[in-house]
Amino acid sequence: MKLTHLQRNVPQATAQMLESVTEVWSEWRRQKLPLYLFLGLCVNLIIAPAVFATTGGDLSRTQSYWLAALILLTVALAIYLFFVMFVPEKF
């Protein structure tokens, strides 16, 4: 997607930046993995304080975040394997 009508009114650097943003936006629509990773990190920000609170201070904050990420990864892997078992023709 070219921004030729905007390039006449703005400096070259700004036009290049707008074109780059437009390209990233169009790629984001096709590739879902970065979106899923971002959402997983956001869910981890919600789960990690709960893990930290339930340990009663036995784990550090960093360990709590990694434990929450491990829990999310385990659940995601279980869902993936469950899906592969029951719909193998897609893979």
N, C-alpha and C. Protein backbone atom coordinates (compact mmCIF):
# COMPACT_ATOMS: atom_id res chain seq x y z
N MET A 1 0.85 -1.18 0.00
CA MET A 1 0.00 0.00 0.00
C MET A 1 0.89 1.24 0.00
N LYS A 2 0.84 1.99 -1.04
CA LYS A 2 1.66 3.19 -1.17
C LYS A 2 0.88 4.41 -0.71
N LEU A 3 1.61 5.32 -0.10
CA LEU A 3 1.00 6.54 0.41
C LEU A 3 1.44 7.73 -0.44
N THR A 4 1.19 7.68 -1.71
CA THR A 4 1.68 8.72 -2.61
C THR A 4 0.99 10.06 -2.38
N HIS A 5 -0.29 10.03 -2.01
CA HIS A 5 -0.98 11.30 -1.80
C HIS A 5 -0.51 12.00 -0.52
N LEU A 6 0.03 11.25 0.44
CA LEU A 6 0.55 11.86 1.66
C LEU A 6 1.99 12.34 1.49
N GLN A 7 2.72 11.76 0.55
CA GLN A 7 4.12 12.10 0.40
C GLN A 7 4.32 13.52 -0.10
N ARG A 8 3.34 14.09 -0.74
CA ARG A 8 3.48 15.47 -1.22
C ARG A 8 3.42 16.48 -0.08
N ASN A 9 2.72 16.15 0.99
CA ASN A 9 2.47 17.11 2.05
C ASN A 9 3.39 16.97 3.27
N VAL A 10 4.08 15.85 3.41
CA VAL A 10 4.91 15.62 4.59
C VAL A 10 6.35 15.38 4.16
N PRO A 11 7.30 15.58 5.08
CA PRO A 11 8.71 15.33 4.76
C PRO A 11 8.95 13.84 4.45
N GLN A 12 10.08 13.57 3.84
CA GLN A 12 10.41 12.22 3.38
C GLN A 12 10.48 11.23 4.55
N ALA A 13 11.08 11.61 5.66
CA ALA A 13 11.23 10.70 6.80
C ALA A 13 9.86 10.32 7.37
N THR A 14 8.96 11.28 7.46
CA THR A 14 7.62 11.00 7.98
C THR A 14 6.85 10.11 7.02
N ALA A 15 7.03 10.31 5.73
CA ALA A 15 6.36 9.46 4.74
C ALA A 15 6.87 8.03 4.83
N GLN A 16 8.16 7.86 5.04
CA GLN A 16 8.72 6.51 5.17
C GLN A 16 8.20 5.84 6.44
N MET A 17 8.07 6.62 7.51
CA MET A 17 7.57 6.07 8.75
C MET A 17 6.11 5.65 8.58
N LEU A 18 5.31 6.46 7.92
CA LEU A 18 3.91 6.11 7.69
C LEU A 18 3.79 4.86 6.81
N GLU A 19 4.66 4.74 5.82
CA GLU A 19 4.64 3.56 4.97
C GLU A 19 5.04 2.31 5.75
N SER A 20 6.01 2.46 6.64
CA SER A 20 6.43 1.33 7.48
C SER A 20 5.32 0.89 8.41
N VAL A 21 4.65 1.85 9.02
CA VAL A 21 3.54 1.54 9.92
C VAL A 21 2.42 0.85 9.16
N THR A 22 2.14 1.30 7.96
CA THR A 22 1.11 0.68 7.13
C THR A 22 1.48 -0.75 6.77
N GLU A 23 2.76 -0.98 6.46
CA GLU A 23 3.21 -2.33 6.13
C GLU A 23 3.11 -3.26 7.34
N VAL A 24 3.51 -2.77 8.52
CA VAL A 24 3.40 -3.57 9.74
C VAL A 24 1.94 -3.89 10.03
N TRP A 25 1.07 -2.92 9.84
CA TRP A 25 -0.35 -3.13 10.10
C TRP A 25 -0.91 -4.20 9.17
N SER A 26 -0.53 -4.19 7.90
CA SER A 26 -1.05 -5.19 6.97
C SER A 26 -0.47 -6.57 7.27
N GLU A 27 0.79 -6.64 7.70
CA GLU A 27 1.37 -7.93 8.07
C GLU A 27 0.72 -8.48 9.33
N TRP A 28 0.34 -7.63 10.26
CA TRP A 28 -0.30 -8.06 11.50
C TRP A 28 -1.62 -8.75 11.22
N ARG A 29 -2.31 -8.33 10.19
CA ARG A 29 -3.58 -8.94 9.85
C ARG A 29 -3.39 -10.38 9.36
N ARG A 30 -2.25 -10.67 8.75
CA ARG A 30 -2.00 -12.01 8.22
C ARG A 30 -1.33 -12.93 9.23
N GLN A 31 -0.47 -12.41 10.07
CA GLN A 31 0.28 -13.23 11.01
C GLN A 31 -0.29 -13.05 12.40
N LYS A 32 -0.79 -14.13 12.97
CA LYS A 32 -1.45 -14.07 14.27
C LYS A 32 -0.53 -14.42 15.44
N LEU A 33 0.62 -15.03 15.19
CA LEU A 33 1.49 -15.46 16.27
C LEU A 33 1.93 -14.31 17.18
N PRO A 34 2.38 -13.16 16.65
CA PRO A 34 2.75 -12.06 17.55
C PRO A 34 1.58 -11.59 18.43
N LEU A 35 0.38 -11.61 17.88
CA LEU A 35 -0.79 -11.23 18.67
C LEU A 35 -1.02 -12.23 19.80
N TYR A 36 -0.89 -13.52 19.49
CA TYR A 36 -1.08 -14.55 20.51
C TYR A 36 -0.01 -14.46 21.60
N LEU A 37 1.22 -14.18 21.20
CA LEU A 37 2.29 -14.02 22.20
C LEU A 37 2.03 -12.81 23.10
N PHE A 38 1.58 -11.73 22.50
CA PHE A 38 1.27 -10.54 23.29
C PHE A 38 0.13 -10.81 24.28
N LEU A 39 -0.91 -11.48 23.82
CA LEU A 39 -2.02 -11.81 24.71
C LEU A 39 -1.59 -12.77 25.82
N GLY A 40 -0.70 -13.71 25.49
CA GLY A 40 -0.17 -14.62 26.51
C GLY A 40 0.62 -13.87 27.58
N LEU A 41 1.41 -12.89 27.16
CA LEU A 41 2.15 -12.09 28.13
C LEU A 41 1.22 -11.26 29.01
N CYS A 42 0.14 -10.76 28.41
CA CYS A 42 -0.82 -9.99 29.20
C CYS A 42 -1.53 -10.87 30.22
N VAL A 43 -1.87 -12.09 29.82
CA VAL A 43 -2.49 -13.02 30.77
C VAL A 43 -1.50 -13.38 31.86
N ASN A 44 -0.23 -13.49 31.51
CA ASN A 44 0.80 -13.78 32.50
C ASN A 44 0.89 -12.65 33.54
N LEU A 45 0.69 -11.41 33.10
CA LEU A 45 0.69 -10.29 34.05
C LEU A 45 -0.47 -10.38 35.03
N ILE A 46 -1.53 -11.06 34.66
CA ILE A 46 -2.67 -11.23 35.56
C ILE A 46 -2.44 -12.42 36.49
N ILE A 47 -1.86 -13.50 35.96
CA ILE A 47 -1.70 -14.73 36.74
C ILE A 47 -0.53 -14.64 37.72
N ALA A 48 0.56 -14.02 37.34
CA ALA A 48 1.77 -14.01 38.16
C ALA A 48 1.57 -13.41 39.55
N PRO A 49 0.86 -12.30 39.72
CA PRO A 49 0.64 -11.82 41.10
C PRO A 49 -0.17 -12.80 41.95
N ALA A 50 -1.09 -13.53 41.31
CA ALA A 50 -1.85 -14.52 42.06
C ALA A 50 -0.94 -15.67 42.51
N VAL A 51 -0.03 -16.08 41.65
CA VAL A 51 0.94 -17.13 42.02
C VAL A 51 1.84 -16.61 43.13
N PHE A 52 2.27 -15.37 43.02
CA PHE A 52 3.14 -14.78 44.04
C PHE A 52 2.41 -14.71 45.39
N ALA A 53 1.13 -14.39 45.37
CA ALA A 53 0.36 -14.28 46.61
C ALA A 53 0.11 -15.64 47.24
N THR A 54 -0.13 -16.65 46.42
CA THR A 54 -0.43 -17.97 46.98
C THR A 54 0.79 -18.67 47.55
N THR A 55 1.99 -18.30 47.12
CA THR A 55 3.18 -18.95 47.66
C THR A 55 3.56 -18.41 49.03
N GLY A 56 2.98 -17.31 49.42
CA GLY A 56 3.25 -16.77 50.75
C GLY A 56 4.64 -16.18 50.90
N GLY A 57 5.23 -15.74 49.83
CA GLY A 57 6.55 -15.14 49.90
C GLY A 57 7.68 -16.13 49.78
N ASP A 58 7.38 -17.42 49.58
CA ASP A 58 8.45 -18.41 49.43
C ASP A 58 9.19 -18.26 48.11
N LEU A 59 8.49 -17.80 47.08
CA LEU A 59 9.11 -17.58 45.77
C LEU A 59 9.31 -16.09 45.56
N SER A 60 10.36 -15.75 44.83
CA SER A 60 10.57 -14.35 44.50
C SER A 60 9.59 -13.94 43.41
N ARG A 61 9.54 -12.66 43.13
CA ARG A 61 8.63 -12.16 42.09
C ARG A 61 9.01 -12.71 40.72
N THR A 62 10.30 -12.79 40.44
CA THR A 62 10.76 -13.32 39.15
C THR A 62 10.37 -14.79 39.01
N GLN A 63 10.56 -15.56 40.06
CA GLN A 63 10.17 -16.96 40.01
C GLN A 63 8.67 -17.13 39.82
N SER A 64 7.90 -16.22 40.40
CA SER A 64 6.44 -16.29 40.24
C SER A 64 6.04 -16.02 38.79
N TYR A 65 6.68 -15.06 38.15
CA TYR A 65 6.38 -14.78 36.75
C TYR A 65 6.76 -15.97 35.85
N TRP A 66 7.90 -16.59 36.11
CA TRP A 66 8.30 -17.74 35.31
C TRP A 66 7.40 -18.94 35.57
N LEU A 67 6.96 -19.12 36.80
CA LEU A 67 6.04 -20.22 37.11
C LEU A 67 4.70 -20.01 36.42
N ALA A 68 4.22 -18.78 36.41
CA ALA A 68 2.97 -18.47 35.70
C ALA A 68 3.13 -18.70 34.20
N ALA A 69 4.28 -18.32 33.63
CA ALA A 69 4.53 -18.56 32.21
C ALA A 69 4.59 -20.06 31.92
N LEU A 70 5.17 -20.82 32.82
CA LEU A 70 5.22 -22.27 32.65
C LEU A 70 3.82 -22.88 32.71
N ILE A 71 2.99 -22.38 33.59
CA ILE A 71 1.60 -22.85 33.67
C ILE A 71 0.86 -22.54 32.38
N LEU A 72 1.02 -21.32 31.86
CA LEU A 72 0.37 -20.96 30.60
C LEU A 72 0.87 -21.81 29.45
N LEU A 73 2.16 -22.07 29.39
CA LEU A 73 2.73 -22.90 28.34
C LEU A 73 2.20 -24.33 28.43
N THR A 74 2.08 -24.86 29.63
CA THR A 74 1.56 -26.21 29.81
C THR A 74 0.11 -26.30 29.36
N VAL A 75 -0.69 -25.32 29.72
CA VAL A 75 -2.10 -25.32 29.30
C VAL A 75 -2.21 -25.18 27.78
N ALA A 76 -1.41 -24.31 27.19
CA ALA A 76 -1.44 -24.14 25.73
C ALA A 76 -1.01 -25.42 25.03
N LEU A 77 0.01 -26.08 25.52
CA LEU A 77 0.46 -27.34 24.92
C LEU A 77 -0.60 -28.43 25.07
N ALA A 78 -1.27 -28.49 26.21
CA ALA A 78 -2.33 -29.47 26.40
C ALA A 78 -3.49 -29.23 25.43
N ILE A 79 -3.86 -27.99 25.24
CA ILE A 79 -4.94 -27.67 24.29
C ILE A 79 -4.52 -28.03 22.87
N TYR A 80 -3.29 -27.72 22.51
CA TYR A 80 -2.79 -28.05 21.17
C TYR A 80 -2.80 -29.56 20.94
N LEU A 81 -2.27 -30.32 21.89
CA LEU A 81 -2.23 -31.77 21.73
C LEU A 81 -3.62 -32.38 21.72
N PHE A 82 -4.53 -31.85 22.50
CA PHE A 82 -5.91 -32.32 22.49
C PHE A 82 -6.53 -32.08 21.12
N PHE A 83 -6.26 -30.92 20.54
CA PHE A 83 -6.78 -30.59 19.21
C PHE A 83 -6.17 -31.49 18.15
N VAL A 84 -4.86 -31.78 18.24
CA VAL A 84 -4.19 -32.64 17.27
C VAL A 84 -4.71 -34.07 17.36
N MET A 85 -5.05 -34.52 18.55
CA MET A 85 -5.56 -35.89 18.69
C MET A 85 -6.91 -36.06 18.03
N PHE A 86 -7.77 -35.07 18.11
CA PHE A 86 -9.13 -35.23 17.62
C PHE A 86 -9.34 -34.68 16.22
N VAL A 87 -8.43 -33.88 15.68
CA VAL A 87 -8.53 -33.38 14.31
C VAL A 87 -7.17 -33.56 13.63
N PRO A 88 -6.72 -34.79 13.45
CA PRO A 88 -5.37 -35.00 12.89
C PRO A 88 -5.26 -34.67 11.41
N GLU A 89 -6.37 -34.66 10.66
CA GLU A 89 -6.27 -34.41 9.23
C GLU A 89 -5.88 -32.98 8.91
N LYS A 90 -5.99 -32.06 9.84
CA LYS A 90 -5.55 -30.69 9.59
C LYS A 90 -4.03 -30.56 9.68
N PHE A 91 -3.40 -31.52 10.26
CA PHE A 91 -1.96 -31.47 10.44
C PHE A 91 -1.33 -32.49 9.56
